[in-house]
Protein backbone atom coordinates (compact mmCIF):
# COMPACT_ATOMS: atom_id res chain seq x y z
CA MET A 1 31.18 -15.99 5.83
CA SER A 2 28.25 -14.39 5.52
CA LYS A 3 27.87 -10.58 3.89
CA SER A 4 26.59 -8.30 6.71
CA ALA A 5 24.02 -6.01 5.67
CA ILE A 6 22.19 -3.18 7.88
CA VAL A 7 19.24 -1.73 6.74
CA ILE A 8 17.61 1.38 7.61
CA GLY A 9 13.69 1.73 8.28
CA ALA A 10 11.49 -1.03 9.81
CA GLY A 11 8.27 0.04 7.52
CA ILE A 12 7.26 -2.57 5.17
CA VAL A 13 10.88 -1.49 3.10
CA GLY A 14 12.94 -1.84 5.59
CA LEU A 15 11.03 -5.41 6.72
CA ALA A 16 10.99 -5.96 2.71
CA THR A 17 14.29 -5.90 2.81
CA ALA A 18 15.90 -7.38 5.31
CA ARG A 19 13.86 -10.18 4.88
CA ALA A 20 15.14 -10.49 1.23
CA LEU A 21 18.59 -10.12 2.86
CA ALA A 22 18.53 -12.80 5.39
CA SER A 23 17.43 -15.27 3.10
CA ARG A 24 20.05 -15.37 0.70
CA ASN A 25 22.31 -15.57 4.40
CA TYR A 26 22.75 -12.30 4.61
CA GLN A 27 23.99 -10.90 8.56
CA VAL A 28 20.95 -8.18 9.19
CA THR A 29 20.00 -5.88 11.49
CA VAL A 30 17.50 -3.52 11.12
CA ILE A 31 17.95 -0.21 12.72
CA GLU A 32 14.70 2.17 13.40
CA ARG A 33 14.29 4.99 15.44
CA SER A 34 11.16 4.83 16.80
CA SER A 35 10.29 1.33 19.51
CA LYS A 36 7.96 0.32 16.93
CA ALA A 37 7.06 1.08 13.15
CA ILE A 38 4.43 4.13 13.49
CA GLY A 39 4.34 5.69 9.47
CA ALA A 40 2.12 4.85 6.31
CA SER A 41 3.79 1.12 6.31
CA ILE A 42 0.72 1.40 9.84
CA ARG A 43 -1.92 3.40 7.60
CA ASN A 44 -3.61 2.05 5.61
CA PHE A 45 -5.83 -0.52 4.75
CA GLY A 46 -4.42 -3.68 4.58
CA MET A 47 -4.87 -4.28 0.82
CA VAL A 48 -2.22 -6.57 -0.73
CA TRP A 49 -3.58 -4.65 -4.30
CA PRO A 50 -2.56 -6.34 -7.62
CA ILE A 51 -5.85 -5.14 -9.80
CA GLY A 52 -4.08 -1.12 -9.76
CA GLN A 53 -0.45 -2.80 -11.43
CA PRO A 54 -0.57 -2.70 -14.88
CA GLU A 55 -0.67 -6.52 -16.53
CA GLY A 56 3.71 -6.58 -17.16
CA THR A 57 6.04 -5.93 -14.66
CA LEU A 58 4.12 -4.33 -11.86
CA TYR A 59 1.52 -7.34 -11.84
CA GLU A 60 3.78 -9.22 -12.00
CA ARG A 61 6.13 -8.21 -9.25
CA ALA A 62 2.84 -7.58 -7.16
CA LEU A 63 2.17 -11.78 -7.94
CA HIS A 64 5.35 -12.31 -6.19
CA ALA A 65 4.91 -10.06 -3.53
CA LYS A 66 1.95 -11.47 -2.51
CA SER A 67 3.53 -14.98 -2.16
CA ILE A 68 5.93 -13.83 0.28
CA TRP A 69 3.40 -12.18 2.52
CA LYS A 70 1.72 -15.52 2.60
CA GLU A 71 4.55 -16.57 3.74
CA VAL A 72 5.41 -14.00 6.02
CA LEU A 73 2.60 -14.07 7.75
CA GLU A 74 2.47 -18.01 8.46
CA GLY A 75 5.28 -17.65 10.04
CA ALA A 76 4.47 -14.39 11.95
CA LYS A 77 1.30 -15.87 13.45
CA CYS A 78 -0.92 -13.65 11.57
CA TRP A 79 -4.60 -12.65 9.63
CA SER A 80 -5.35 -12.24 6.32
CA TYR A 81 -8.05 -12.83 3.95
CA GLU A 82 -7.19 -13.85 0.96
CA GLY A 83 -11.40 -12.72 -0.56
CA GLY A 84 -10.48 -10.66 -3.77
CA SER A 85 -12.22 -7.16 -4.71
CA LEU A 86 -15.37 -5.66 -6.30
CA HIS A 87 -15.75 -3.00 -8.16
CA MET A 88 -19.57 -1.83 -8.72
CA ALA A 89 -20.13 0.55 -11.29
CA TYR A 90 -24.34 2.21 -11.68
CA GLN A 91 -23.86 4.05 -14.12
CA ASN A 92 -23.78 2.10 -17.64
CA ASP A 93 -19.80 4.60 -18.84
CA GLU A 94 -18.67 3.01 -15.34
CA PHE A 95 -20.45 -1.05 -16.23
CA GLU A 96 -18.25 -0.40 -19.64
CA VAL A 97 -15.20 0.69 -18.11
CA LEU A 98 -15.21 -2.56 -15.96
CA GLN A 99 -15.74 -4.30 -19.44
CA GLN A 100 -13.31 -3.62 -20.98
CA PHE A 101 -10.90 -4.05 -18.11
CA VAL A 102 -12.31 -7.55 -18.41
CA GLU A 103 -11.63 -8.29 -21.96
CA VAL A 104 -7.93 -6.88 -22.83
CA SER A 105 -6.90 -8.09 -19.31
CA SER A 106 -4.97 -11.48 -20.86
CA TYR A 107 -3.57 -13.20 -17.66
CA ARG A 108 -6.10 -11.41 -14.90
CA PRO A 109 -8.91 -13.75 -13.19
CA VAL A 110 -11.56 -11.66 -13.63
CA SER A 111 -14.92 -11.24 -14.54
CA ILE A 112 -17.70 -9.69 -14.58
CA LEU A 113 -21.03 -10.07 -12.10
CA ASN A 114 -24.29 -9.06 -12.66
CA ALA A 115 -25.88 -7.22 -9.93
CA PHE A 116 -27.94 -10.66 -8.48
CA GLU A 117 -24.30 -12.03 -8.17
CA THR A 118 -22.69 -8.48 -7.00
CA LEU A 119 -25.21 -9.27 -3.83
CA GLU A 120 -24.33 -12.38 -2.96
CA LYS A 121 -20.55 -12.09 -3.11
CA SER A 122 -20.98 -8.48 -0.62
CA PRO A 123 -23.92 -8.35 1.75
CA ALA A 124 -22.41 -5.02 2.25
CA VAL A 125 -22.94 -3.47 -1.52
CA ASN A 126 -25.55 -1.01 -2.44
CA GLY A 127 -28.26 -3.15 -4.25
CA ASN A 128 -29.77 0.27 -5.51
CA GLY A 129 -29.12 1.35 -9.13
CA LEU A 130 -26.56 -1.63 -9.44
CA LEU A 131 -25.25 -2.77 -12.95
CA GLY A 132 -23.04 -5.22 -11.97
CA SER A 133 -19.57 -5.12 -10.66
CA LEU A 134 -15.87 -6.24 -11.02
CA TYR A 135 -14.67 -9.79 -9.66
CA SER A 136 -10.55 -10.08 -9.00
CA GLU A 137 -10.07 -12.88 -7.25
CA ASP A 138 -5.98 -11.50 -6.85
CA GLU A 139 -6.60 -9.49 -4.06
CA MET A 140 -5.46 -9.94 -0.23
CA ILE A 141 -6.66 -7.97 3.23
CA VAL A 142 -3.31 -7.90 6.36
CA ASP A 143 -4.25 -5.64 9.34
CA PRO A 144 -1.20 -3.09 8.33
CA ARG A 145 -0.87 -2.19 12.80
CA GLU A 146 -0.84 -6.36 13.61
CA ALA A 147 0.94 -7.15 10.36
CA ILE A 148 3.87 -4.66 10.71
CA ALA A 149 4.27 -5.33 14.52
CA ALA A 150 4.50 -8.40 14.48
CA ILE A 151 6.66 -9.59 11.56
CA PRO A 152 10.00 -8.14 13.22
CA GLY A 153 9.84 -10.86 15.61
CA TYR A 154 9.03 -13.61 12.29
CA LEU A 155 12.05 -12.43 11.32
CA THR A 156 13.75 -12.57 14.27
CA ALA A 157 13.33 -16.41 14.76
CA LYS A 158 12.93 -17.46 11.31
CA LEU A 159 15.79 -16.13 9.69
CA GLY A 160 17.93 -14.13 12.76
CA VAL A 161 17.13 -10.46 11.76
CA THR A 162 18.42 -8.39 14.46
CA PHE A 163 16.68 -5.03 15.47
CA ILE A 164 17.66 -2.36 17.19
CA TRP A 165 15.15 0.15 18.26
CA ASN A 166 14.55 4.09 19.42
CA THR A 167 18.00 4.79 17.10
CA ALA A 168 17.95 7.84 14.43
CA ILE A 169 21.00 7.04 11.95
CA SER A 170 21.88 10.75 11.98
CA ASP A 171 25.02 9.78 9.54
CA ILE A 172 26.39 7.23 6.93
CA SER A 173 29.76 7.04 5.82
CA TYR A 174 30.35 3.97 4.17
CA PRO A 175 30.76 1.42 5.79
CA ASN A 176 29.89 2.53 8.75
CA VAL A 177 26.57 4.03 9.89
CA TYR A 178 26.06 7.07 13.26
CA SER A 179 23.57 7.35 16.41
CA GLY A 180 25.65 10.16 17.70
CA VAL A 181 28.67 9.07 18.98
CA LYS A 182 27.19 5.48 18.10
CA SER A 183 27.80 3.35 15.14
CA TRP A 184 27.62 0.11 12.94
CA SER A 185 29.40 -1.31 9.77
CA ALA A 186 28.09 -3.74 7.05
CA ASP A 187 29.53 -4.20 3.68
CA GLU A 188 25.94 -3.30 2.60
CA ILE A 189 23.63 -0.16 4.11
CA PHE A 190 20.38 -0.15 2.44
CA VAL A 191 18.17 3.46 3.49
CA CYS A 192 14.59 2.15 4.02
CA SER A 193 12.82 4.91 5.12
CA GLY A 194 11.00 7.82 3.16
CA GLN A 195 12.19 9.93 6.51
CA ASP A 196 15.90 8.69 6.50
CA PHE A 197 16.29 9.21 2.92
CA GLU A 198 15.68 13.39 3.18
CA THR A 199 17.63 13.76 6.78
CA LEU A 200 20.53 11.23 5.58
CA TYR A 201 21.06 12.08 1.88
CA PRO A 202 19.14 15.66 1.22
CA GLU A 203 20.93 16.47 -2.25
CA HIS A 204 19.56 13.79 -3.50
CA PHE A 205 16.21 13.59 -2.03
CA SER A 206 15.96 17.12 -3.25
CA GLU A 207 17.18 16.57 -6.41
CA ALA A 208 14.76 13.46 -7.08
CA PRO A 209 11.13 13.69 -8.20
CA LEU A 210 9.22 13.84 -5.01
CA THR A 211 6.35 15.35 -3.41
CA LYS A 212 4.77 14.00 -0.47
CA CYS A 213 1.42 12.67 0.06
CA LYS A 214 -0.52 12.94 2.77
CA LEU A 215 -4.46 10.54 3.16
CA GLN A 216 -6.83 10.47 4.96
CA MET A 217 -8.52 7.70 6.66
CA LEU A 218 -11.48 6.40 8.94
CA ARG A 219 -12.13 3.25 10.78
CA LEU A 220 -15.49 1.64 11.23
CA GLU A 221 -16.06 -0.88 14.78
CA ALA A 222 -15.98 -3.95 14.83
CA GLN A 223 -19.58 -4.98 13.15
CA PRO A 224 -22.33 -6.89 14.87
CA ASP A 225 -22.88 -10.51 15.19
CA ASN A 226 -19.20 -11.38 12.65
CA TRP A 227 -20.13 -9.46 9.84
CA ARG A 228 -18.34 -9.74 7.63
CA ILE A 229 -18.73 -7.94 3.70
CA GLY A 230 -16.75 -9.92 1.68
CA PRO A 231 -14.26 -8.88 -0.28
CA ALA A 232 -12.79 -5.31 -0.17
CA LEU A 233 -15.40 -3.18 -1.69
CA CYS A 234 -14.49 0.23 -4.25
CA GLY A 235 -16.46 2.48 -5.95
CA GLY A 236 -16.62 4.04 -9.54
CA LEU A 237 -13.47 6.88 -8.37
CA SER A 238 -11.11 4.06 -7.65
CA LEU A 239 -11.51 3.23 -11.90
CA ILE A 240 -9.42 6.98 -12.77
CA HIS A 241 -6.71 6.17 -9.50
CA TYR A 242 -5.45 3.11 -10.41
CA HIS A 243 -3.39 2.84 -13.26
CA GLY A 244 -4.68 -0.53 -13.63
CA PHE A 245 -7.44 0.43 -15.17
CA LYS A 246 -5.63 2.19 -17.85
CA ALA A 247 -6.70 -0.37 -20.02
CA ALA A 248 -10.07 0.17 -20.28
CA ALA A 249 -10.12 2.35 -23.99
CA SER A 250 -13.25 4.32 -22.48
CA LEU A 251 -11.64 5.10 -19.26
CA PRO A 252 -11.20 8.54 -20.42
CA GLY A 253 -14.55 9.35 -20.91
CA LEU A 254 -15.33 8.40 -18.02
CA LYS A 255 -12.83 11.10 -15.94
CA ALA A 256 -13.94 13.49 -17.54
CA ARG A 257 -17.91 12.85 -16.63
CA TYR A 258 -16.32 12.88 -12.99
CA GLU A 259 -14.24 15.70 -13.52
CA ALA A 260 -17.33 17.29 -14.28
CA GLU A 261 -19.32 16.07 -11.61
CA TYR A 262 -16.99 15.07 -9.00
CA ALA A 263 -14.89 18.13 -9.46
CA GLU A 264 -14.45 18.82 -5.23
CA HIS A 265 -13.72 14.75 -4.63
CA LEU A 266 -10.98 15.12 -7.09
CA LYS A 267 -9.87 18.25 -5.94
CA TRP A 268 -8.84 16.88 -2.71
CA GLY A 269 -8.10 13.20 -4.72
CA ILE A 270 -10.80 11.46 -2.50
CA HIS A 271 -11.99 8.07 -4.33
CA VAL A 272 -13.32 5.59 -1.67
CA MET A 273 -12.69 1.88 -0.59
CA ALA A 274 -13.95 -0.45 2.20
CA SER A 275 -11.57 -3.18 3.70
CA GLN A 276 -12.35 -5.54 7.22
CA ASN A 277 -9.88 -6.64 9.20
CA GLY A 278 -9.53 -10.34 11.35
CA LEU A 279 -11.71 -8.14 14.22
CA GLY A 280 -14.00 -6.52 11.84
CA GLU A 281 -13.29 -3.40 12.07
CA ILE A 282 -13.69 -1.50 8.52
CA THR A 283 -11.27 0.63 7.37
CA VAL A 284 -12.60 3.75 4.60
CA GLY A 285 -10.09 6.26 2.80
CA ASP A 286 -9.45 8.12 1.19
CA SER A 287 -8.04 11.25 -0.01
CA HIS A 288 -4.95 12.38 -1.64
CA GLU A 289 -3.04 15.58 -0.81
CA TYR A 290 0.20 16.16 -2.56
CA ALA A 291 3.25 19.38 -0.91
CA LEU A 292 6.40 19.16 1.12
CA THR A 293 5.14 20.01 4.50
CA PHE A 294 1.47 19.84 5.33
CA ASP A 295 -0.39 21.55 8.28
CA PRO A 296 -0.77 18.12 10.93
CA PHE A 297 -4.36 19.38 11.23
CA ASP A 298 -7.34 16.46 10.01
CA ARG A 299 -9.91 17.88 8.14
CA GLU A 300 -13.30 16.84 8.57
CA PHE A 301 -15.08 17.84 5.91
CA ILE A 302 -12.89 15.40 3.51
CA ASN A 303 -14.03 12.35 6.67
CA THR A 304 -17.49 13.27 5.74
CA MET A 305 -17.31 13.10 1.78
CA ILE A 306 -15.16 10.02 1.81
CA LEU A 307 -18.36 8.96 4.37
CA ASP A 308 -21.14 9.83 1.50
CA TYR A 309 -19.66 8.45 -1.57
CA LEU A 310 -18.75 5.70 0.50
CA ALA A 311 -22.73 5.28 0.76
CA THR A 312 -23.12 5.37 -2.88
CA PHE A 313 -22.04 1.66 -2.97
CA ALA A 314 -22.09 0.16 0.71
CA ARG A 315 -23.84 -0.16 3.96
CA PHE A 316 -22.50 -1.55 7.11
CA LYS A 317 -24.18 -3.11 10.26
CA SER A 318 -22.50 -0.27 11.99
CA PRO A 319 -21.46 2.88 10.35
CA LYS A 320 -20.35 4.50 13.73
CA VAL A 321 -15.88 6.09 13.67
CA PHE A 322 -13.67 5.59 16.13
CA GLN A 323 -10.54 6.73 14.94
CA THR A 324 -9.86 8.51 11.87
CA TRP A 325 -6.34 8.93 11.14
CA HIS A 326 -3.73 10.69 7.73
CA GLY A 327 -0.40 9.43 7.03
CA ILE A 328 2.14 10.90 5.01
CA TYR A 329 4.34 9.37 2.25
CA PRO A 330 7.07 10.06 -0.58
CA LYS A 331 5.33 9.94 -4.13
CA LEU A 332 6.86 10.01 -7.38
CA THR A 333 6.32 12.96 -9.52
CA ASN A 334 7.66 12.01 -13.06
CA GLY A 335 5.34 8.47 -13.58
CA ALA A 336 7.45 5.65 -11.77
CA THR A 337 6.90 3.34 -9.54
CA GLU A 338 10.12 3.02 -7.15
CA ILE A 339 13.27 4.96 -6.35
CA VAL A 340 16.23 2.61 -5.73
CA ILE A 341 19.74 4.64 -6.09
CA LYS A 342 23.15 4.42 -4.99
CA PRO A 343 24.29 7.64 -3.43
CA GLU A 344 27.73 6.06 -2.46
CA SER A 345 29.57 2.41 -3.25
CA GLY A 346 27.68 -0.30 -0.68
CA VAL A 347 24.61 2.23 0.10
CA THR A 348 21.38 1.66 -2.05
CA ILE A 349 18.37 3.90 -0.76
CA ILE A 350 14.67 2.00 -1.99
CA ASN A 351 12.38 5.06 -1.76
CA GLY A 352 8.77 6.47 -3.97
CA LEU A 353 6.54 3.59 -3.60
CA GLY A 354 3.93 5.54 -2.74
CA GLY A 355 0.61 4.15 -2.01
CA ASN A 356 1.91 0.73 -3.70
CA GLY A 357 4.07 -0.06 -0.66
CA MET A 358 1.42 -3.53 0.57
CA THR A 359 1.15 -4.13 -3.04
CA LEU A 360 5.02 -3.36 -3.83
CA SER A 361 7.53 -3.75 -1.20
CA PHE A 362 8.39 -7.58 -1.01
CA GLY A 363 8.61 -8.36 -4.45
CA LEU A 364 10.99 -5.13 -5.54
CA CYS A 365 13.22 -5.39 -2.56
CA ASP A 366 13.49 -9.39 -3.54
CA GLU A 367 14.06 -8.00 -7.09
CA VAL A 368 16.68 -5.16 -5.78
CA VAL A 369 18.99 -7.96 -3.24
CA GLY A 370 18.69 -10.64 -6.00
CA GLY A 371 19.53 -8.66 -9.01
CA SER A 372 17.22 -8.85 -11.12
CA TYR A 373 15.70 -5.35 -10.73
CA THR A 374 14.77 -3.10 -13.36
CA PRO A 375 13.12 -0.19 -13.23
CA SER A 376 9.48 -0.88 -14.29
């Protein structure tokens, strides 16, 4: 007889956990407090981003996650684009970091492009003062709004996963979970959303090295005439945001210059990237504010700073913004990339992936359920 499992939360971590369990013949029930996932899992670029991870465990986890993404997206009949990423350089110290990164990348599919080659790769790149770029083949774009909405149907049809919507779990006492007077039981329980972790195990949440991150993002309208930007595009500030680039020896010098020239950007955690979905819309962001409680209001000057910096490396046929929003996710303060803890027998909490949920969740949850996980 197969084991049963309950997964709390239908965001990317919950979906990844449900898939990992069901593919190992668990009878899986996912319980979600809303009628659909509306949190950080749909409020992002849709970037599956191996280049942001340092070589070793995290890079391999990202590649494993990407392979699962491709399987799931095909089954769910969702759009994706495996076009890689371009990281532009307009100053010598930026270009030096990119060159060093390529030199020390032992097995990544990365290369340095000159200005002409960069402009051939993407018609959206600003060619004024362009020295060149780093091109990485690894990165893939999905539409998070489409994918997170469609994957539950795929998991139900393909793997027999049951979804219960509009149901907030208010208590766990293994093997039972409760929503008011209703209850369900299972052999294993997984808590896979930050909100539920904070509510169900407040002591563990408060003891964990966690804060929260608020990010602001924008979306530009579908580009005319089916115009495509090609790879995801990144400016120099992204080089000091992602840990993968720490492999470049001259990165501290670049960071020091940015701290002097872009102090206000760094104060608000701004680094700027752009990705295009299947509809031709371009998602742009983002900022990073850290606290446990945030004002519910977006800051217009942050959106302006993002767009102004975007213009230094990208030009689009239509720059018209038609949506703005913010997302909030738990973020570890100790440099770790995830929390995987067992607050009681039979219960596992998976949390704290920060901004790496789309990139790492499928790989991480497959490792946790499969028994191969070791803290990175």
